[in-house]
Amino acid sequence: MSTETASKARHLIENFFCKLKEYRAIATRYDKTARNFLAAIHLAAAIIWLN
């Protein structure tokens, strides 16, 4: 993987986490199980992807 390709991929991932942090419900969740937390992450990721 070239440096430019790696940089572009890293930029996309950093932008995704930045957008994910905008969902306050995700950032402040205190679920009892990891499964519920992961479900919330998947839901927010799907919303980000669809927009």
N, C-alpha and C. Protein backbone atom coordinates (compact mmCIF):
# COMPACT_ATOMS: atom_id res chain seq x y z
N MET A 1 0.85 -1.17 0.00
CA MET A 1 0.00 0.00 0.00
C MET A 1 0.90 1.23 0.00
N SER A 2 0.65 2.12 -0.93
CA SER A 2 1.49 3.33 -1.01
C SER A 2 1.13 4.31 0.10
N THR A 3 2.00 5.26 0.31
CA THR A 3 1.80 6.25 1.36
C THR A 3 0.56 7.08 1.09
N GLU A 4 0.34 7.42 -0.17
CA GLU A 4 -0.83 8.23 -0.53
C GLU A 4 -2.12 7.46 -0.28
N THR A 5 -2.15 6.21 -0.64
CA THR A 5 -3.34 5.37 -0.43
C THR A 5 -3.60 5.19 1.06
N ALA A 6 -2.56 4.95 1.83
CA ALA A 6 -2.71 4.78 3.28
C ALA A 6 -3.21 6.08 3.92
N SER A 7 -2.71 7.20 3.43
CA SER A 7 -3.13 8.49 3.96
C SER A 7 -4.61 8.74 3.68
N LYS A 8 -5.06 8.42 2.48
CA LYS A 8 -6.48 8.60 2.12
C LYS A 8 -7.37 7.70 2.98
N ALA A 9 -6.94 6.46 3.18
CA ALA A 9 -7.72 5.53 4.00
C ALA A 9 -7.80 6.02 5.44
N ARG A 10 -6.67 6.49 5.98
CA ARG A 10 -6.65 7.00 7.35
C ARG A 10 -7.54 8.22 7.49
N HIS A 11 -7.54 9.08 6.48
CA HIS A 11 -8.38 10.28 6.49
C HIS A 11 -9.86 9.89 6.53
N LEU A 12 -10.27 8.91 5.73
CA LEU A 12 -11.66 8.46 5.72
C LEU A 12 -12.07 7.91 7.08
N ILE A 13 -11.21 7.13 7.69
CA ILE A 13 -11.52 6.55 8.99
C ILE A 13 -11.61 7.63 10.07
N GLU A 14 -10.69 8.58 10.04
CA GLU A 14 -10.72 9.68 11.01
C GLU A 14 -11.99 10.50 10.86
N ASN A 15 -12.40 10.76 9.62
CA ASN A 15 -13.64 11.51 9.39
C ASN A 15 -14.86 10.75 9.89
N PHE A 16 -14.85 9.42 9.69
CA PHE A 16 -15.97 8.61 10.15
C PHE A 16 -16.10 8.70 11.67
N PHE A 17 -14.99 8.57 12.40
CA PHE A 17 -15.05 8.64 13.86
C PHE A 17 -15.44 10.02 14.32
N CYS A 18 -15.05 11.04 13.59
CA CYS A 18 -15.46 12.41 13.93
C CYS A 18 -16.98 12.55 13.80
N LYS A 19 -17.54 12.02 12.73
CA LYS A 19 -18.99 12.06 12.54
C LYS A 19 -19.70 11.21 13.58
N LEU A 20 -19.12 10.08 13.93
CA LEU A 20 -19.72 9.20 14.92
C LEU A 20 -19.77 9.87 16.29
N LYS A 21 -18.76 10.66 16.60
CA LYS A 21 -18.73 11.36 17.89
C LYS A 21 -19.80 12.43 17.99
N GLU A 22 -20.32 12.88 16.84
CA GLU A 22 -21.39 13.88 16.85
C GLU A 22 -22.68 13.30 17.40
N TYR A 23 -22.83 11.99 17.37
CA TYR A 23 -24.02 11.34 17.91
C TYR A 23 -23.84 11.23 19.42
N ARG A 24 -24.41 12.18 20.14
CA ARG A 24 -24.22 12.25 21.58
C ARG A 24 -24.74 11.00 22.27
N ALA A 25 -25.78 10.41 21.74
CA ALA A 25 -26.33 9.20 22.35
C ALA A 25 -25.32 8.06 22.33
N ILE A 26 -24.47 8.04 21.32
CA ILE A 26 -23.44 7.00 21.24
C ILE A 26 -22.31 7.31 22.21
N ALA A 27 -21.92 8.57 22.26
CA ALA A 27 -20.78 8.97 23.09
C ALA A 27 -21.08 8.80 24.59
N THR A 28 -22.35 8.89 24.98
CA THR A 28 -22.69 8.83 26.40
C THR A 28 -23.46 7.57 26.78
N ARG A 29 -23.39 6.53 25.97
CA ARG A 29 -24.14 5.31 26.28
C ARG A 29 -23.44 4.50 27.37
N TYR A 30 -24.25 4.00 28.27
CA TYR A 30 -23.75 3.13 29.32
C TYR A 30 -24.59 1.86 29.31
N ASP A 31 -24.52 1.12 28.23
CA ASP A 31 -25.30 -0.10 28.11
C ASP A 31 -24.72 -1.20 28.99
N LYS A 32 -25.60 -2.08 29.39
CA LYS A 32 -25.16 -3.18 30.24
C LYS A 32 -24.39 -4.23 29.45
N THR A 33 -24.70 -4.34 28.18
CA THR A 33 -24.03 -5.36 27.38
C THR A 33 -23.33 -4.74 26.19
N ALA A 34 -22.25 -5.37 25.78
CA ALA A 34 -21.51 -4.91 24.60
C ALA A 34 -22.36 -5.07 23.35
N ARG A 35 -23.24 -6.05 23.34
CA ARG A 35 -24.10 -6.28 22.18
C ARG A 35 -25.00 -5.08 21.91
N ASN A 36 -25.59 -4.50 22.95
CA ASN A 36 -26.46 -3.34 22.78
C ASN A 36 -25.67 -2.12 22.32
N PHE A 37 -24.48 -1.94 22.88
CA PHE A 37 -23.64 -0.82 22.47
C PHE A 37 -23.23 -0.96 21.00
N LEU A 38 -22.85 -2.18 20.61
CA LEU A 38 -22.46 -2.42 19.22
C LEU A 38 -23.64 -2.20 18.27
N ALA A 39 -24.84 -2.54 18.70
CA ALA A 39 -26.02 -2.31 17.88
C ALA A 39 -26.23 -0.81 17.65
N ALA A 40 -26.01 -0.01 18.68
CA ALA A 40 -26.14 1.44 18.55
C ALA A 40 -25.08 2.00 17.60
N ILE A 41 -23.87 1.46 17.68
CA ILE A 41 -22.79 1.88 16.77
C ILE A 41 -23.17 1.54 15.33
N HIS A 42 -23.70 0.35 15.11
CA HIS A 42 -24.10 -0.06 13.76
C HIS A 42 -25.21 0.84 13.22
N LEU A 43 -26.16 1.19 14.08
CA LEU A 43 -27.26 2.06 13.65
C LEU A 43 -26.72 3.44 13.25
N ALA A 44 -25.87 4.01 14.07
CA ALA A 44 -25.31 5.33 13.76
C ALA A 44 -24.45 5.26 12.49
N ALA A 45 -23.68 4.18 12.32
CA ALA A 45 -22.85 4.03 11.13
C ALA A 45 -23.71 3.94 9.87
N ALA A 46 -24.84 3.24 9.98
CA ALA A 46 -25.73 3.13 8.83
C ALA A 46 -26.33 4.49 8.47
N ILE A 47 -26.68 5.26 9.48
CA ILE A 47 -27.23 6.59 9.23
C ILE A 47 -26.18 7.48 8.56
N ILE A 48 -24.95 7.43 9.05
CA ILE A 48 -23.87 8.21 8.45
C ILE A 48 -23.65 7.80 7.01
N TRP A 49 -23.64 6.49 6.77
CA TRP A 49 -23.40 5.96 5.42
C TRP A 49 -24.51 6.37 4.46
N LEU A 50 -25.76 6.39 4.94
CA LEU A 50 -26.88 6.72 4.06
C LEU A 50 -26.95 8.22 3.76
N ASN A 51 -26.38 9.04 4.62
CA ASN A 51 -26.40 10.48 4.36
C ASN A 51 -25.29 10.80 3.45
